[in-house]
Amino acid sequence: MNVLLIYLNINKVIINYLSERRKRLHEILLTLINKESNFELIEEDSRSLTTNFSDKDTANLSRVIEKNRKIIKRYQALVRTAVTLDALMDSENDENFKIK
C-alpha cells in the first residue's frame, strides 16, 4: 500500500511538472509570436483544390503550397526557440540551486 502511495505521489509531481513546463512553453511561444512583425497564417486556397487543375491553377496551387511550407518552417523555428529558451532557463535555475 505504501509503495502505491509513493508511486501515485511521484506521478502527481511529474504530471504537475510537465503541466507547468507546457504552460511556460506556451507563454514563451506567445511572446515570440507577439515579437514577430510579419507573423503569417497558413493560407487556405480550397478553390484550387476543387477545379480541374488548369495550368494557371496548378501554378497558383504550387505558390500556395510553397508559401505554406515556408510559414510552417517559421512556426517550427519559433517552437524550437521557445523550447531552447525554456531549457536554458531550467539550466540556469539548476545552477542557482547548487551548493557551492
Protein backbone atom coordinates (compact mmCIF):
# COMPACT_ATOMS: atom_id res chain seq x y z
CA MET A 1 0.00 0.00 0.00
CA ASN A 2 2.83 2.44 0.85
CA VAL A 3 4.55 1.69 -2.44
CA LEU A 4 1.34 2.53 -4.29
CA LEU A 5 1.01 5.84 -2.45
CA ILE A 6 4.64 6.73 -3.22
CA TYR A 7 4.08 5.82 -6.88
CA LEU A 8 0.93 7.97 -7.05
CA ASN A 9 2.73 10.91 -5.42
CA ILE A 10 5.63 10.62 -7.88
CA ASN A 11 3.17 10.54 -10.78
CA LYS A 12 1.41 13.62 -9.44
CA VAL A 13 4.72 15.50 -9.17
CA ILE A 14 5.71 14.50 -12.72
CA ILE A 15 2.32 15.49 -14.14
CA ASN A 16 2.45 18.85 -12.34
CA TYR A 17 5.99 19.48 -13.63
CA LEU A 18 5.01 18.65 -17.22
CA SER A 19 1.90 20.80 -16.96
CA GLU A 20 3.91 23.76 -15.65
CA ARG A 21 6.55 23.26 -18.36
CA ARG A 22 3.87 23.20 -21.05
CA LYS A 23 2.41 26.45 -19.70
CA ARG A 24 5.88 28.04 -19.72
CA LEU A 25 6.47 26.91 -23.30
CA HIS A 26 3.13 28.37 -24.37
CA GLU A 27 3.95 31.68 -22.68
CA ILE A 28 7.38 31.84 -24.33
CA LEU A 29 5.91 30.93 -27.72
CA LEU A 30 3.20 33.58 -27.44
CA THR A 31 5.82 36.16 -26.50
CA LEU A 32 7.91 35.20 -29.53
CA ILE A 33 4.85 35.39 -31.80
CA ASN A 34 3.99 38.83 -30.42
CA LYS A 35 7.55 39.97 -31.26
CA GLU A 36 7.13 38.89 -34.89
CA SER A 37 6.45 41.87 -37.12
CA ASN A 38 5.10 39.82 -40.01
CA PHE A 39 3.52 36.73 -38.47
CA GLU A 40 1.61 34.94 -41.22
CA LEU A 41 -1.09 32.31 -41.06
CA ILE A 42 -1.27 29.32 -43.36
CA GLU A 43 -3.33 30.08 -46.45
CA GLU A 44 -6.31 28.07 -47.47
CA ASP A 45 -6.94 28.00 -51.17
CA SER A 46 -9.74 25.48 -51.48
CA ARG A 47 -10.87 26.96 -54.82
CA SER A 48 -7.76 25.49 -56.41
CA LEU A 49 -8.49 22.09 -54.92
CA THR A 50 -11.97 21.91 -56.42
CA THR A 51 -11.11 22.84 -60.01
CA ASN A 52 -9.89 20.65 -62.84
CA PHE A 53 -6.34 21.97 -62.36
CA SER A 54 -5.63 24.11 -65.38
CA ASP A 55 -2.02 25.27 -65.83
CA LYS A 56 -2.83 28.56 -64.10
CA ASP A 57 -4.50 26.78 -61.16
CA THR A 58 -1.57 24.40 -60.83
CA ALA A 59 0.87 27.33 -60.69
CA ASN A 60 -1.31 29.11 -58.10
CA LEU A 61 -1.59 25.97 -56.01
CA SER A 62 2.19 25.47 -56.19
CA ARG A 63 2.74 29.02 -54.92
CA VAL A 64 0.28 28.48 -52.06
CA ILE A 65 1.96 25.19 -51.10
CA GLU A 66 5.43 26.76 -51.21
CA LYS A 67 4.30 29.75 -49.15
CA ASN A 68 2.65 27.46 -46.57
CA ARG A 69 5.82 25.35 -46.40
CA LYS A 70 7.84 28.47 -45.57
CA ILE A 71 5.30 29.54 -42.95
CA ILE A 72 5.41 26.09 -41.30
CA LYS A 73 9.22 26.22 -41.22
CA ARG A 74 8.94 29.60 -39.44
CA TYR A 75 6.48 28.09 -36.93
CA GLN A 76 8.92 25.24 -36.31
CA ALA A 77 11.74 27.72 -35.73
CA LEU A 78 9.61 29.61 -33.18
CA VAL A 79 8.77 26.39 -31.33
CA ARG A 80 12.44 25.28 -31.30
CA THR A 81 13.41 28.71 -29.97
CA ALA A 82 10.80 28.50 -27.21
CA VAL A 83 11.97 25.01 -26.20
CA THR A 84 15.61 26.15 -26.19
CA LEU A 85 14.85 29.23 -24.08
CA ASP A 86 12.87 27.12 -21.61
CA ALA A 87 15.73 24.61 -21.32
CA LEU A 88 18.23 27.44 -20.77
CA MET A 89 16.03 28.90 -18.03
CA ASP A 90 15.79 25.47 -16.40
CA SER A 91 19.57 25.03 -16.51
CA GLU A 92 20.08 28.49 -15.01
CA ASN A 93 17.65 27.63 -12.21
CA ASP A 94 19.50 24.35 -11.59
CA GLU A 95 22.80 26.24 -11.37
CA ASN A 96 21.31 28.66 -8.84
CA PHE A 97 20.27 25.82 -6.53
CA LYS A 98 23.64 24.04 -6.49
CA ILE A 99 25.50 24.22 -3.20
CA LYS A 100 28.99 25.59 -3.74
